[in-house]
C-alpha atoms as a PDB file:
ATOM      1  CA  UNK A   1      -1.846   2.527  18.424  1.00  0.00           C
ATOM      2  CA  UNK A   2      -3.655  -0.468  16.981  1.00  0.00           C
ATOM      3  CA  UNK A   3      -4.122  -0.462  13.227  1.00  0.00           C
ATOM      4  CA  UNK A   4      -6.727  -2.585  11.512  1.00  0.00           C
ATOM      5  CA  UNK A   5      -5.772  -4.181   8.207  1.00  0.00           C
ATOM      6  CA  UNK A   6      -8.071  -5.556   5.572  1.00  0.00           C
ATOM      7  CA  UNK A   7      -7.952  -7.042   2.123  1.00  0.00           C
ATOM      8  CA  UNK A   8     -10.597  -5.707  -0.249  1.00  0.00           C
ATOM      9  CA  UNK A   9     -11.644  -7.820  -3.227  1.00  0.00           C
ATOM     10  CA  UNK A  10     -13.136  -6.028  -6.225  1.00  0.00           C
ATOM     11  CA  UNK A  11     -15.238  -7.025  -9.180  1.00  0.00           C
ATOM     12  CA  UNK A  12     -15.057  -4.340 -11.860  1.00  0.00           C
ATOM     13  CA  UNK A  13     -16.779  -3.594 -15.114  1.00  0.00           C
ATOM     14  CA  UNK A  14     -14.982  -5.173 -18.086  1.00  0.00           C
ATOM     15  CA  UNK A  15     -11.847  -3.245 -19.049  1.00  0.00           C
ATOM     16  CA  UNK A  16     -11.857  -1.070 -15.891  1.00  0.00           C
ATOM     17  CA  UNK A  17      -9.374  -3.114 -13.840  1.00  0.00           C
ATOM     18  CA  UNK A  18      -6.318  -0.871 -14.250  1.00  0.00           C
ATOM     19  CA  UNK A  19      -8.312   2.335 -13.872  1.00  0.00           C
ATOM     20  CA  UNK A  20      -9.887   1.085 -10.625  1.00  0.00           C
ATOM     21  CA  UNK A  21      -6.506  -0.126  -9.305  1.00  0.00           C
ATOM     22  CA  UNK A  22      -4.836   3.203 -10.079  1.00  0.00           C
ATOM     23  CA  UNK A  23      -7.643   5.187  -8.436  1.00  0.00           C
ATOM     24  CA  UNK A  24      -7.659   2.939  -5.350  1.00  0.00           C
ATOM     25  CA  UNK A  25      -3.882   3.328  -4.919  1.00  0.00           C
ATOM     26  CA  UNK A  26      -4.311   7.117  -4.523  1.00  0.00           C
ATOM     27  CA  UNK A  27      -6.642   6.826  -1.512  1.00  0.00           C
ATOM     28  CA  UNK A  28      -5.047   7.471   1.908  1.00  0.00           C
ATOM     29  CA  UNK A  29      -5.010   4.249   3.884  1.00  0.00           C
ATOM     30  CA  UNK A  30      -4.484   2.011   0.859  1.00  0.00           C
ATOM     31  CA  UNK A  31      -1.124   0.286   1.204  1.00  0.00           C
ATOM     32  CA  UNK A  32      -1.072  -1.673  -2.061  1.00  0.00           C
ATOM     33  CA  UNK A  33      -3.373  -2.682  -4.899  1.00  0.00           C
ATOM     34  CA  UNK A  34      -3.062  -5.205  -7.716  1.00  0.00           C
ATOM     35  CA  UNK A  35      -4.932  -6.319 -10.827  1.00  0.00           C
ATOM     36  CA  UNK A  36      -5.614 -10.045 -10.512  1.00  0.00           C
ATOM     37  CA  UNK A  37      -6.881 -12.905 -12.636  1.00  0.00           C
ATOM     38  CA  UNK A  38      -9.667 -15.185 -11.486  1.00  0.00           C
ATOM     39  CA  UNK A  39     -12.815 -14.554  -9.494  1.00  0.00           C
ATOM     40  CA  UNK A  40     -11.778 -11.009  -8.528  1.00  0.00           C
ATOM     41  CA  UNK A  41     -10.354  -8.297 -10.792  1.00  0.00           C
ATOM     42  CA  UNK A  42      -8.512  -6.127  -8.253  1.00  0.00           C
ATOM     43  CA  UNK A  43      -7.370  -6.626  -4.663  1.00  0.00           C
ATOM     44  CA  UNK A  44      -6.129  -3.996  -2.228  1.00  0.00           C
ATOM     45  CA  UNK A  45      -4.530  -4.012   1.198  1.00  0.00           C
ATOM     46  CA  UNK A  46      -5.739  -1.191   3.452  1.00  0.00           C
ATOM     47  CA  UNK A  47      -5.278  -0.062   7.043  1.00  0.00           C
ATOM     48  CA  UNK A  48      -7.246   2.177   9.369  1.00  0.00           C
ATOM     49  CA  UNK A  49      -7.181   3.201  13.025  1.00  0.00           C
ATOM     50  CA  UNK A  50     -10.538   1.578  13.864  1.00  0.00           C
ATOM     51  CA  UNK A  51     -13.129  -0.755  12.435  1.00  0.00           C
ATOM     52  CA  UNK A  52     -15.422   2.264  12.083  1.00  0.00           C
ATOM     53  CA  UNK A  53     -12.870   4.215  10.041  1.00  0.00           C
ATOM     54  CA  UNK A  54     -12.202   1.111   7.950  1.00  0.00           C
ATOM     55  CA  UNK A  55     -15.922   0.895   7.187  1.00  0.00           C
ATOM     56  CA  UNK A  56     -16.011   4.583   6.353  1.00  0.00           C
ATOM     57  CA  UNK A  57     -13.043   4.177   3.987  1.00  0.00           C
ATOM     58  CA  UNK A  58     -14.818   1.386   2.139  1.00  0.00           C
ATOM     59  CA  UNK A  59     -18.284   2.986   2.081  1.00  0.00           C
ATOM     60  CA  UNK A  60     -17.372   6.584   1.319  1.00  0.00           C
ATOM     61  CA  UNK A  61     -14.137   6.391  -0.675  1.00  0.00           C
ATOM     62  CA  UNK A  62     -13.796   3.008  -2.323  1.00  0.00           C
ATOM     63  CA  UNK A  63     -17.330   1.981  -3.276  1.00  0.00           C
ATOM     64  CA  UNK A  64     -17.898   5.317  -5.022  1.00  0.00           C
ATOM     65  CA  UNK A  65     -15.145   4.711  -7.590  1.00  0.00           C
ATOM     66  CA  UNK A  66     -16.588   4.426 -11.111  1.00  0.00           C
ATOM     67  CA  UNK A  67     -16.140   0.978 -12.625  1.00  0.00           C
ATOM     68  CA  UNK A  68     -16.590  -1.035  -9.419  1.00  0.00           C
ATOM     69  CA  UNK A  69     -19.465  -3.538  -9.481  1.00  0.00           C
ATOM     70  CA  UNK A  70     -18.931  -5.204  -6.104  1.00  0.00           C
ATOM     71  CA  UNK A  71     -16.516  -5.310  -3.172  1.00  0.00           C
ATOM     72  CA  UNK A  72     -15.860  -7.802  -0.419  1.00  0.00           C
ATOM     73  CA  UNK A  73     -13.818  -6.809   2.640  1.00  0.00           C
ATOM     74  CA  UNK A  74     -11.786  -9.291   4.672  1.00  0.00           C
ATOM     75  CA  UNK A  75     -10.561  -7.897   8.009  1.00  0.00           C
ATOM     76  CA  UNK A  76      -7.198  -9.434   8.886  1.00  0.00           C
ATOM     77  CA  UNK A  77      -6.315 -10.816  12.289  1.00  0.00           C
ATOM     78  CA  UNK A  78      -3.084 -12.398  13.509  1.00  0.00           C
ATOM     79  CA  UNK A  79      -3.749 -15.436  15.643  1.00  0.00           C
ATOM     80  CA  UNK A  80      -0.926 -16.274  18.026  1.00  0.00           C
END
């Protein structure tokens, strides 16, 4: 079974970084999440069984978390 991996970059409302990270970590399909410093406040590594289910995860589960201003999703691909 092919799994699709992505890195999701988050901009949060001020002071909401840890709360967003902790909420994201509880979502099935999220492998890891970190608070970061710089242009983005939180990043998460996720996996899904299809591009469609990855999109659904982002649209329906992640973007609805209070405290998130913006997300950017980077779908990973190994080039051999």
